[in-house]
Protein backbone atom coordinates (compact mmCIF):
# COMPACT_ATOMS: atom_id res chain seq x y z
CA UNK A 1 9.81 32.83 -60.23
CA UNK A 2 12.37 30.41 -61.55
CA UNK A 3 12.10 27.42 -59.26
CA UNK A 4 12.91 23.80 -59.85
CA UNK A 5 9.53 22.13 -59.63
CA UNK A 6 8.73 18.44 -59.88
CA UNK A 7 5.34 16.96 -60.62
CA UNK A 8 4.81 13.21 -60.38
CA UNK A 9 1.75 11.01 -60.16
CA UNK A 10 2.36 7.95 -58.00
CA UNK A 11 0.42 4.88 -59.06
CA UNK A 12 -0.95 2.32 -56.63
CA UNK A 13 1.56 -0.48 -56.26
CA UNK A 14 0.87 -4.10 -55.33
CA UNK A 15 1.57 -4.89 -51.69
CA UNK A 16 4.43 -7.19 -52.75
CA UNK A 17 6.20 -4.21 -54.30
CA UNK A 18 5.47 -1.84 -51.46
CA UNK A 19 6.77 -4.20 -48.78
CA UNK A 20 6.48 -3.90 -45.04
CA UNK A 21 6.53 -0.64 -43.16
CA UNK A 22 9.84 0.38 -41.63
CA UNK A 23 8.22 3.19 -39.66
CA UNK A 24 7.31 3.07 -36.00
CA UNK A 25 5.97 5.87 -33.81
CA UNK A 26 8.05 6.21 -30.66
CA UNK A 27 6.50 9.34 -29.15
CA UNK A 28 3.80 11.86 -30.00
CA UNK A 29 2.70 14.63 -27.70
CA UNK A 30 0.63 17.77 -28.00
CA UNK A 31 2.71 20.95 -27.80
CA UNK A 32 -0.09 23.45 -28.39
CA UNK A 33 -3.81 23.16 -29.02
CA UNK A 34 -5.17 26.42 -30.33
CA UNK A 35 -8.51 27.38 -31.78
CA UNK A 36 -8.72 25.42 -35.01
CA UNK A 37 -5.52 23.33 -34.98
CA UNK A 38 -3.12 21.21 -32.92
CA UNK A 39 0.70 21.16 -32.96
CA UNK A 40 2.36 17.87 -32.02
CA UNK A 41 5.96 16.83 -31.41
CA UNK A 42 6.57 13.44 -33.05
CA UNK A 43 9.46 10.96 -32.92
CA UNK A 44 9.49 8.11 -35.43
CA UNK A 45 11.85 5.26 -36.19
CA UNK A 46 12.63 4.80 -39.88
CA UNK A 47 15.10 2.66 -41.82
CA UNK A 48 17.45 5.67 -41.67
CA UNK A 49 17.20 6.13 -37.89
CA UNK A 50 15.19 8.38 -35.59
CA UNK A 51 13.05 11.07 -37.18
CA UNK A 52 12.01 14.04 -35.04
CA UNK A 53 9.34 16.26 -36.50
CA UNK A 54 6.63 18.77 -35.68
CA UNK A 55 3.14 18.32 -37.10
CA UNK A 56 0.42 20.94 -37.33
CA UNK A 57 -3.05 19.53 -38.00
CA UNK A 58 -6.38 21.32 -38.46
CA UNK A 59 -9.17 20.27 -36.10
CA UNK A 60 -11.58 19.97 -39.03
CA UNK A 61 -12.61 16.51 -40.27
CA UNK A 62 -12.80 17.87 -43.82
CA UNK A 63 -10.05 16.37 -46.06
CA UNK A 64 -7.11 18.75 -46.38
CA UNK A 65 -4.06 19.28 -48.52
CA UNK A 66 -0.79 18.17 -46.91
CA UNK A 67 2.77 19.48 -46.99
CA UNK A 68 5.88 17.72 -45.69
CA UNK A 69 8.96 19.89 -45.22
CA UNK A 70 12.08 17.70 -45.20
CA UNK A 71 14.00 20.33 -43.22
CA UNK A 72 13.20 22.83 -40.49
CA UNK A 73 16.00 25.38 -40.99
CA UNK A 74 18.00 26.56 -43.98
CA UNK A 75 21.37 28.09 -43.04
CA UNK A 76 23.39 30.14 -45.49
CA UNK A 77 27.08 30.98 -45.23
CA UNK A 78 27.46 33.66 -47.93
CA UNK A 79 26.28 35.87 -46.22
CA UNK A 80 25.43 34.25 -42.89
CA UNK A 81 21.66 33.94 -42.67
CA UNK A 82 18.96 31.44 -41.78
CA UNK A 83 15.27 30.82 -42.31
CA UNK A 84 12.95 28.61 -40.23
CA UNK A 85 10.02 26.84 -41.90
CA UNK A 86 7.80 26.11 -38.89
CA UNK A 87 6.14 29.56 -38.96
CA UNK A 88 5.17 28.91 -42.61
CA UNK A 89 3.84 25.45 -41.71
CA UNK A 90 1.65 26.93 -38.97
CA UNK A 91 0.42 29.64 -41.33
CA UNK A 92 -0.61 26.96 -43.84
CA UNK A 93 -2.37 24.98 -41.09
CA UNK A 94 -4.38 28.04 -40.11
CA UNK A 95 -5.61 28.01 -43.71
CA UNK A 96 -6.66 24.35 -43.47
CA UNK A 97 -3.50 22.46 -44.50
CA UNK A 98 -1.99 19.52 -42.61
CA UNK A 99 1.78 20.01 -42.32
CA UNK A 100 4.80 18.19 -40.98
CA UNK A 101 8.29 19.65 -40.55
CA UNK A 102 11.21 17.25 -40.08
CA UNK A 103 13.82 18.61 -37.65
CA UNK A 104 16.83 19.01 -39.89
CA UNK A 105 19.23 21.80 -40.72
CA UNK A 106 20.30 22.27 -44.35
CA UNK A 107 23.31 24.36 -45.38
CA UNK A 108 23.76 26.63 -48.40
CA UNK A 109 25.54 27.12 -50.79
CA UNK A 110 27.48 24.06 -49.60
CA UNK A 111 25.07 21.17 -50.08
CA UNK A 112 24.42 19.48 -46.75
CA UNK A 113 25.86 15.93 -46.36
CA UNK A 114 22.40 14.64 -45.38
CA UNK A 115 20.99 15.42 -48.84
CA UNK A 116 20.11 12.17 -50.55
CA UNK A 117 19.80 10.17 -47.31
CA UNK A 118 16.35 11.26 -46.08
CA UNK A 119 13.91 9.54 -48.43
CA UNK A 120 12.87 6.87 -45.91
CA UNK A 121 12.45 9.56 -43.24
CA UNK A 122 10.21 11.61 -45.54
CA UNK A 123 8.05 8.57 -46.25
CA UNK A 124 7.70 7.90 -42.51
CA UNK A 125 6.63 11.50 -41.97
CA UNK A 126 4.05 11.21 -44.73
CA UNK A 127 2.75 7.92 -43.39
CA UNK A 128 2.34 9.39 -39.91
CA UNK A 129 0.56 12.46 -41.24
CA UNK A 130 -1.76 10.37 -43.42
CA UNK A 131 -2.78 8.32 -40.35
CA UNK A 132 -3.28 11.25 -37.97
CA UNK A 133 -4.83 13.84 -40.27
CA UNK A 134 -7.63 13.70 -42.81
CA UNK A 135 -5.62 14.20 -46.00
CA UNK A 136 -6.77 14.03 -49.61
CA UNK A 137 -4.52 11.32 -51.17
CA UNK A 138 -3.70 13.34 -54.30
CA UNK A 139 -3.03 16.62 -52.49
CA UNK A 140 0.55 16.28 -51.20
CA UNK A 141 3.39 18.77 -51.50
CA UNK A 142 7.00 17.95 -50.67
CA UNK A 143 9.51 20.73 -49.88
CA UNK A 144 13.19 19.82 -49.89
CA UNK A 145 16.04 18.41 -52.00
CA UNK A 146 14.96 16.39 -55.03
CA UNK A 147 17.05 13.39 -53.95
CA UNK A 148 15.05 13.20 -50.70
CA UNK A 149 11.67 13.29 -52.45
CA UNK A 150 9.12 10.55 -51.66
CA UNK A 151 9.46 7.07 -53.13
CA UNK A 152 6.31 4.92 -53.32
CA UNK A 153 8.36 1.73 -52.95
CA UNK A 154 9.37 2.64 -49.38
CA UNK A 155 7.07 1.85 -46.49
CA UNK A 156 3.63 0.32 -46.17
CA UNK A 157 0.94 1.69 -48.46
CA UNK A 158 1.56 5.43 -48.12
CA UNK A 159 -1.76 7.15 -48.58
CA UNK A 160 -0.54 9.18 -51.52
CA UNK A 161 -1.66 9.03 -55.13
CA UNK A 162 -0.02 12.23 -56.29
CA UNK A 163 2.37 14.92 -55.15
CA UNK A 164 4.09 18.07 -56.27
CA UNK A 165 7.55 19.12 -55.17
CA UNK A 166 9.18 22.45 -54.46
CA UNK A 167 12.87 21.63 -54.76
CA UNK A 168 15.39 23.55 -52.65
CA UNK A 169 18.96 23.10 -51.35
CA UNK A 170 19.59 20.35 -53.89
CA UNK A 171 22.46 21.78 -55.91
CA UNK A 172 24.60 24.94 -55.96
CA UNK A 173 23.09 27.93 -57.76
CA UNK A 174 19.46 26.91 -57.23
CA UNK A 175 17.50 30.17 -57.46
CA UNK A 176 14.51 28.84 -55.51
CA UNK A 177 16.82 28.28 -52.53
CA UNK A 178 18.23 31.80 -52.77
CA UNK A 179 14.69 33.24 -52.88
CA UNK A 180 13.75 31.33 -49.72
CA UNK A 181 16.33 33.28 -47.70
CA UNK A 182 14.66 36.55 -48.68
CA UNK A 183 11.13 35.46 -47.78
CA UNK A 184 8.96 32.39 -47.33
CA UNK A 185 6.10 34.30 -48.99
CA UNK A 186 7.02 33.05 -52.46
CA UNK A 187 6.94 29.43 -51.28
CA UNK A 188 3.67 30.02 -49.41
CA UNK A 189 2.06 31.57 -52.48
CA UNK A 190 3.27 28.72 -54.69
CA UNK A 191 1.86 26.09 -52.32
CA UNK A 192 -1.50 27.83 -52.01
CA UNK A 193 -1.79 28.30 -55.78
CA UNK A 194 -1.47 24.62 -56.67
CA UNK A 195 -4.35 22.87 -58.41
CA UNK A 196 -4.38 19.19 -57.60
CA UNK A 197 -5.57 16.11 -59.41
CA UNK A 198 -9.15 15.05 -58.96
CA UNK A 199 -9.63 12.05 -56.70
């Protein structure tokens, strides 16, 4: 697989650098509670505006890995096709992962105008997930455009010390994006194969 991958370790920053949180939960309601996990609809307010997302959280109190998808649907124009990421998020949750999918449609091969504007929204999603799920701080995965990847200087003490990124829909000709249209299995396998930093 030829995918654009990003690996960064985020260091703890002083509170003066981190600044105050710009995130506020507006609504959160249970959509489905099944054996072993809960799916919630969440609306947050970030510096960018309202963030609507769907979270899937295991019932277990054991610390889990976490994945934030910065988009819910990828839509292609050549040929016309689309892929939804919520089924993959639920599949990961059934295997013990905490996941959050931001409601957002990305286009391909034309890069969506929202690319590069969602960093604050992603941080809000991660902050919410870190407060409502038992997540290992070093075990975060971000899926989305590189320019929307998490920034430790945004928000109030995000409970992240490390993350890996699977970069898609960031620039024309990105092979990892083209592969995603064929199947989410490659992305699922990549996520499940990651070895994280020790806490």
